Amino acid sequence: MTSPMRAESSLETMAMRLNHIDLAVPDIAVARDFFETHLGFTHQQTLGQNGLSILRDEGGLVLVLSRLQRKRRPGLSGRLPHRLPPGKRGGGAWAL
């Protein structure tokens, strides 16, 4: 039988640490301010006119904020519909 101490050290060796995340956001400056102010990230570098921003936390996690590329189709406003079209309701009238 495995002792509690041995099981704990076994879990520690199996755990993986995340070292970076690339997050696409609609407004890099707003997202950067949020991560700095509320989550304790430190701004490292911004490339271009808010085209890409690199932040780091105390644990060494690197967060890259990049601009969200939206594909627009002609005739669409870019917003999601409040209601699903008839026949697509799936039991409810409102889209989630």
N, C-alpha and C. Protein backbone atom coordinates (compact mmCIF):
# COMPACT_ATOMS: atom_id res chain seq x y z
N MET A 1 0.84 -1.18 0.00
CA MET A 1 0.00 0.00 0.00
C MET A 1 0.89 1.25 0.00
N THR A 2 0.49 2.27 -0.72
CA THR A 2 1.27 3.50 -0.83
C THR A 2 0.96 4.42 0.34
N SER A 3 2.01 4.96 0.94
CA SER A 3 1.81 5.87 2.06
C SER A 3 1.34 7.22 1.53
N PRO A 4 0.62 8.03 2.37
CA PRO A 4 0.16 9.36 1.92
C PRO A 4 1.30 10.24 1.43
N MET A 5 2.46 10.16 2.09
CA MET A 5 3.61 10.97 1.71
C MET A 5 4.10 10.58 0.32
N ARG A 6 4.15 9.28 0.07
CA ARG A 6 4.62 8.80 -1.22
C ARG A 6 3.63 9.16 -2.34
N ALA A 7 2.32 9.07 -2.09
CA ALA A 7 1.31 9.41 -3.08
C ALA A 7 1.39 10.89 -3.43
N GLU A 8 1.63 11.74 -2.43
CA GLU A 8 1.73 13.18 -2.67
C GLU A 8 2.93 13.49 -3.55
N SER A 9 4.08 12.91 -3.29
CA SER A 9 5.26 13.19 -4.10
C SER A 9 5.08 12.63 -5.51
N SER A 10 4.34 11.54 -5.64
CA SER A 10 4.07 10.97 -6.95
C SER A 10 3.21 11.92 -7.78
N LEU A 11 2.21 12.56 -7.14
CA LEU A 11 1.37 13.53 -7.84
C LEU A 11 2.18 14.75 -8.26
N GLU A 12 3.10 15.18 -7.42
CA GLU A 12 3.91 16.34 -7.75
C GLU A 12 4.78 16.07 -8.98
N THR A 13 5.32 14.87 -9.10
CA THR A 13 6.17 14.57 -10.25
C THR A 13 5.35 14.43 -11.53
N MET A 14 4.06 14.05 -11.40
CA MET A 14 3.21 13.90 -12.57
C MET A 14 2.62 15.24 -13.04
N ALA A 15 2.55 16.23 -12.16
CA ALA A 15 1.93 17.50 -12.50
C ALA A 15 2.75 18.24 -13.54
N MET A 16 2.05 18.91 -14.43
CA MET A 16 2.72 19.74 -15.44
C MET A 16 2.43 21.20 -15.13
N ARG A 17 3.40 22.04 -15.39
CA ARG A 17 3.21 23.47 -15.16
C ARG A 17 3.07 24.14 -16.52
N LEU A 18 2.03 24.95 -16.64
CA LEU A 18 1.78 25.70 -17.87
C LEU A 18 2.76 26.87 -17.93
N ASN A 19 3.47 27.03 -19.06
CA ASN A 19 4.47 28.09 -19.12
C ASN A 19 4.07 29.28 -20.00
N HIS A 20 3.11 29.07 -20.91
CA HIS A 20 2.65 30.23 -21.70
C HIS A 20 1.24 30.00 -22.25
N ILE A 21 0.55 31.11 -22.48
CA ILE A 21 -0.79 31.10 -23.07
C ILE A 21 -0.84 32.21 -24.11
N ASP A 22 -1.40 31.93 -25.27
CA ASP A 22 -1.65 32.95 -26.29
C ASP A 22 -3.15 33.16 -26.33
N LEU A 23 -3.60 34.34 -25.94
CA LEU A 23 -5.01 34.64 -25.83
C LEU A 23 -5.39 35.73 -26.83
N ALA A 24 -6.32 35.43 -27.73
CA ALA A 24 -6.79 36.41 -28.71
C ALA A 24 -7.92 37.22 -28.09
N VAL A 25 -7.77 38.54 -28.09
CA VAL A 25 -8.75 39.44 -27.46
C VAL A 25 -9.13 40.55 -28.43
N PRO A 26 -10.34 41.11 -28.30
CA PRO A 26 -10.76 42.18 -29.21
C PRO A 26 -10.05 43.51 -28.96
N ASP A 27 -9.64 43.78 -27.71
CA ASP A 27 -8.97 45.04 -27.38
C ASP A 27 -7.78 44.73 -26.47
N ILE A 28 -6.59 44.78 -27.04
CA ILE A 28 -5.39 44.39 -26.31
C ILE A 28 -5.12 45.31 -25.13
N ALA A 29 -5.28 46.62 -25.30
CA ALA A 29 -5.00 47.57 -24.22
C ALA A 29 -5.91 47.33 -23.01
N VAL A 30 -7.19 47.07 -23.26
CA VAL A 30 -8.14 46.82 -22.18
C VAL A 30 -7.81 45.50 -21.48
N ALA A 31 -7.51 44.46 -22.25
CA ALA A 31 -7.16 43.16 -21.68
C ALA A 31 -5.87 43.25 -20.87
N ARG A 32 -4.88 43.97 -21.39
CA ARG A 32 -3.60 44.12 -20.69
C ARG A 32 -3.82 44.82 -19.35
N ASP A 33 -4.62 45.88 -19.34
CA ASP A 33 -4.93 46.60 -18.11
C ASP A 33 -5.63 45.68 -17.10
N PHE A 34 -6.57 44.86 -17.57
CA PHE A 34 -7.28 43.93 -16.69
C PHE A 34 -6.31 42.95 -16.05
N PHE A 35 -5.44 42.31 -16.85
CA PHE A 35 -4.52 41.32 -16.32
C PHE A 35 -3.50 41.94 -15.37
N GLU A 36 -3.07 43.16 -15.63
CA GLU A 36 -2.14 43.84 -14.73
C GLU A 36 -2.82 44.24 -13.43
N THR A 37 -3.99 44.87 -13.53
CA THR A 37 -4.67 45.42 -12.36
C THR A 37 -5.27 44.35 -11.47
N HIS A 38 -5.94 43.39 -12.05
CA HIS A 38 -6.71 42.44 -11.25
C HIS A 38 -6.05 41.09 -11.03
N LEU A 39 -5.11 40.70 -11.89
CA LEU A 39 -4.51 39.38 -11.76
C LEU A 39 -3.01 39.41 -11.50
N GLY A 40 -2.44 40.60 -11.35
CA GLY A 40 -1.05 40.73 -10.93
C GLY A 40 0.00 40.45 -11.99
N PHE A 41 -0.37 40.47 -13.26
CA PHE A 41 0.62 40.27 -14.32
C PHE A 41 1.45 41.54 -14.49
N THR A 42 2.68 41.37 -14.98
CA THR A 42 3.57 42.49 -15.25
C THR A 42 3.78 42.60 -16.76
N HIS A 43 3.62 43.81 -17.28
CA HIS A 43 3.79 44.05 -18.71
C HIS A 43 5.27 43.95 -19.05
N GLN A 44 5.59 43.15 -20.06
CA GLN A 44 6.97 42.98 -20.50
C GLN A 44 7.26 43.77 -21.78
N GLN A 45 6.35 43.65 -22.77
CA GLN A 45 6.62 44.25 -24.06
C GLN A 45 5.33 44.32 -24.88
N THR A 46 5.20 45.37 -25.69
CA THR A 46 4.10 45.47 -26.66
C THR A 46 4.72 45.71 -28.02
N LEU A 47 4.27 44.95 -29.00
CA LEU A 47 4.79 45.07 -30.35
C LEU A 47 3.75 45.74 -31.23
N GLY A 48 4.17 46.67 -32.05
CA GLY A 48 3.25 47.38 -32.94
C GLY A 48 2.32 48.29 -32.16
N GLN A 49 1.28 48.76 -32.81
CA GLN A 49 0.28 49.62 -32.17
C GLN A 49 -0.73 48.72 -31.47
N ASN A 50 -0.35 48.23 -30.28
CA ASN A 50 -1.18 47.28 -29.54
C ASN A 50 -1.52 46.06 -30.38
N GLY A 51 -0.56 45.61 -31.18
CA GLY A 51 -0.77 44.44 -32.02
C GLY A 51 -0.51 43.14 -31.30
N LEU A 52 0.36 43.17 -30.29
CA LEU A 52 0.72 41.98 -29.53
C LEU A 52 1.33 42.46 -28.22
N SER A 53 0.86 41.93 -27.11
CA SER A 53 1.37 42.35 -25.81
C SER A 53 1.81 41.12 -25.02
N ILE A 54 2.96 41.22 -24.36
CA ILE A 54 3.51 40.11 -23.60
C ILE A 54 3.53 40.48 -22.12
N LEU A 55 2.93 39.62 -21.29
CA LEU A 55 2.88 39.84 -19.85
C LEU A 55 3.43 38.60 -19.15
N ARG A 56 3.81 38.76 -17.89
CA ARG A 56 4.35 37.63 -17.11
C ARG A 56 3.81 37.71 -15.69
N ASP A 57 3.55 36.53 -15.10
CA ASP A 57 3.11 36.53 -13.70
C ASP A 57 4.27 36.13 -12.80
N GLU A 58 4.05 36.12 -11.48
CA GLU A 58 5.12 35.83 -10.53
C GLU A 58 5.65 34.40 -10.64
N GLY A 59 4.81 33.49 -11.13
CA GLY A 59 5.23 32.10 -11.28
C GLY A 59 5.96 31.81 -12.58
N GLY A 60 6.13 32.83 -13.43
CA GLY A 60 6.85 32.66 -14.68
C GLY A 60 5.96 32.38 -15.88
N LEU A 61 4.64 32.35 -15.70
CA LEU A 61 3.73 32.15 -16.82
C LEU A 61 3.78 33.35 -17.75
N VAL A 62 3.97 33.11 -19.03
CA VAL A 62 3.99 34.17 -20.03
C VAL A 62 2.62 34.19 -20.71
N LEU A 63 1.99 35.35 -20.71
CA LEU A 63 0.69 35.53 -21.34
C LEU A 63 0.88 36.46 -22.53
N VAL A 64 0.55 35.95 -23.72
CA VAL A 64 0.66 36.74 -24.94
C VAL A 64 -0.76 37.11 -25.36
N LEU A 65 -1.02 38.41 -25.43
CA LEU A 65 -2.32 38.91 -25.88
C LEU A 65 -2.18 39.32 -27.33
N SER A 66 -2.95 38.70 -28.20
CA SER A 66 -2.91 39.04 -29.61
C SER A 66 -4.30 39.52 -30.05
N ARG A 67 -4.33 40.23 -31.13
CA ARG A 67 -5.59 40.81 -31.61
C ARG A 67 -6.48 39.72 -32.20
N LEU A 68 -7.73 39.70 -31.77
CA LEU A 68 -8.72 38.76 -32.28
C LEU A 68 -9.06 39.13 -33.71
N GLN A 69 -8.89 38.20 -34.61
CA GLN A 69 -9.20 38.42 -36.03
C GLN A 69 -10.62 37.94 -36.28
N ARG A 70 -11.50 38.86 -36.58
CA ARG A 70 -12.90 38.51 -36.84
C ARG A 70 -13.13 38.44 -38.33
N LYS A 71 -13.72 37.36 -38.76
CA LYS A 71 -14.10 37.23 -40.16
C LYS A 71 -15.52 37.73 -40.30
N ARG A 72 -15.70 38.69 -41.15
CA ARG A 72 -17.05 39.24 -41.37
C ARG A 72 -17.56 38.80 -42.73
N ARG A 73 -18.81 38.40 -42.71
CA ARG A 73 -19.45 38.06 -43.97
C ARG A 73 -20.30 39.24 -44.41
N PRO A 74 -20.39 39.48 -45.71
CA PRO A 74 -21.20 40.61 -46.19
C PRO A 74 -22.64 40.50 -45.68
N GLY A 75 -23.17 41.63 -45.22
CA GLY A 75 -24.55 41.67 -44.77
C GLY A 75 -24.74 41.36 -43.30
N LEU A 76 -23.68 40.97 -42.60
CA LEU A 76 -23.80 40.68 -41.17
C LEU A 76 -23.18 41.81 -40.37
N SER A 77 -23.80 42.13 -39.26
CA SER A 77 -23.30 43.23 -38.43
C SER A 77 -22.16 42.79 -37.53
N GLY A 78 -21.89 41.49 -37.43
CA GLY A 78 -20.83 41.01 -36.54
C GLY A 78 -21.37 40.61 -35.18
N ARG A 79 -22.66 40.87 -34.93
CA ARG A 79 -23.27 40.49 -33.66
C ARG A 79 -24.02 39.19 -33.82
N LEU A 80 -24.15 38.46 -32.72
CA LEU A 80 -24.92 37.23 -32.74
C LEU A 80 -26.40 37.56 -32.68
N PRO A 81 -27.25 36.76 -33.30
CA PRO A 81 -28.69 37.03 -33.24
C PRO A 81 -29.23 36.74 -31.84
N HIS A 82 -30.24 37.50 -31.44
CA HIS A 82 -30.87 37.25 -30.15
C HIS A 82 -31.77 36.03 -30.21
N ARG A 83 -32.33 35.77 -31.36
CA ARG A 83 -33.21 34.61 -31.55
C ARG A 83 -32.65 33.72 -32.64
N LEU A 84 -32.84 32.44 -32.43
CA LEU A 84 -32.46 31.50 -33.49
C LEU A 84 -33.53 31.51 -34.57
N PRO A 85 -33.16 31.24 -35.81
CA PRO A 85 -34.15 31.19 -36.89
C PRO A 85 -35.16 30.07 -36.64
N PRO A 86 -36.37 30.19 -37.20
CA PRO A 86 -37.38 29.14 -37.03
C PRO A 86 -36.82 27.79 -37.46
N GLY A 87 -37.16 26.75 -36.73
CA GLY A 87 -36.66 25.41 -37.03
C GLY A 87 -35.32 25.11 -36.40
N LYS A 88 -34.65 26.12 -35.82
CA LYS A 88 -33.34 25.93 -35.20
C LYS A 88 -33.40 26.17 -33.70
N ARG A 89 -34.58 26.16 -33.15
CA ARG A 89 -34.74 26.57 -31.75
C ARG A 89 -34.33 25.51 -30.76
N GLY A 90 -34.44 24.27 -31.09
CA GLY A 90 -33.99 23.22 -30.19
C GLY A 90 -34.68 23.23 -28.84
N GLY A 91 -35.95 23.58 -28.78
CA GLY A 91 -36.68 23.53 -27.53
C GLY A 91 -36.83 24.86 -26.85
N GLY A 92 -36.09 25.86 -27.24
CA GLY A 92 -36.20 27.18 -26.62
C GLY A 92 -36.13 28.25 -27.68
N ALA A 93 -36.79 29.36 -27.44
CA ALA A 93 -36.82 30.42 -28.44
C ALA A 93 -35.57 31.28 -28.42
N TRP A 94 -34.86 31.31 -27.32
CA TRP A 94 -33.72 32.23 -27.21
C TRP A 94 -32.41 31.48 -27.42
N ALA A 95 -31.54 32.10 -28.17
CA ALA A 95 -30.21 31.53 -28.41
C ALA A 95 -29.33 31.80 -27.21
N LEU A 96 -28.47 30.87 -26.92
CA LEU A 96 -27.51 31.06 -25.82
C LEU A 96 -26.24 31.64 -26.35
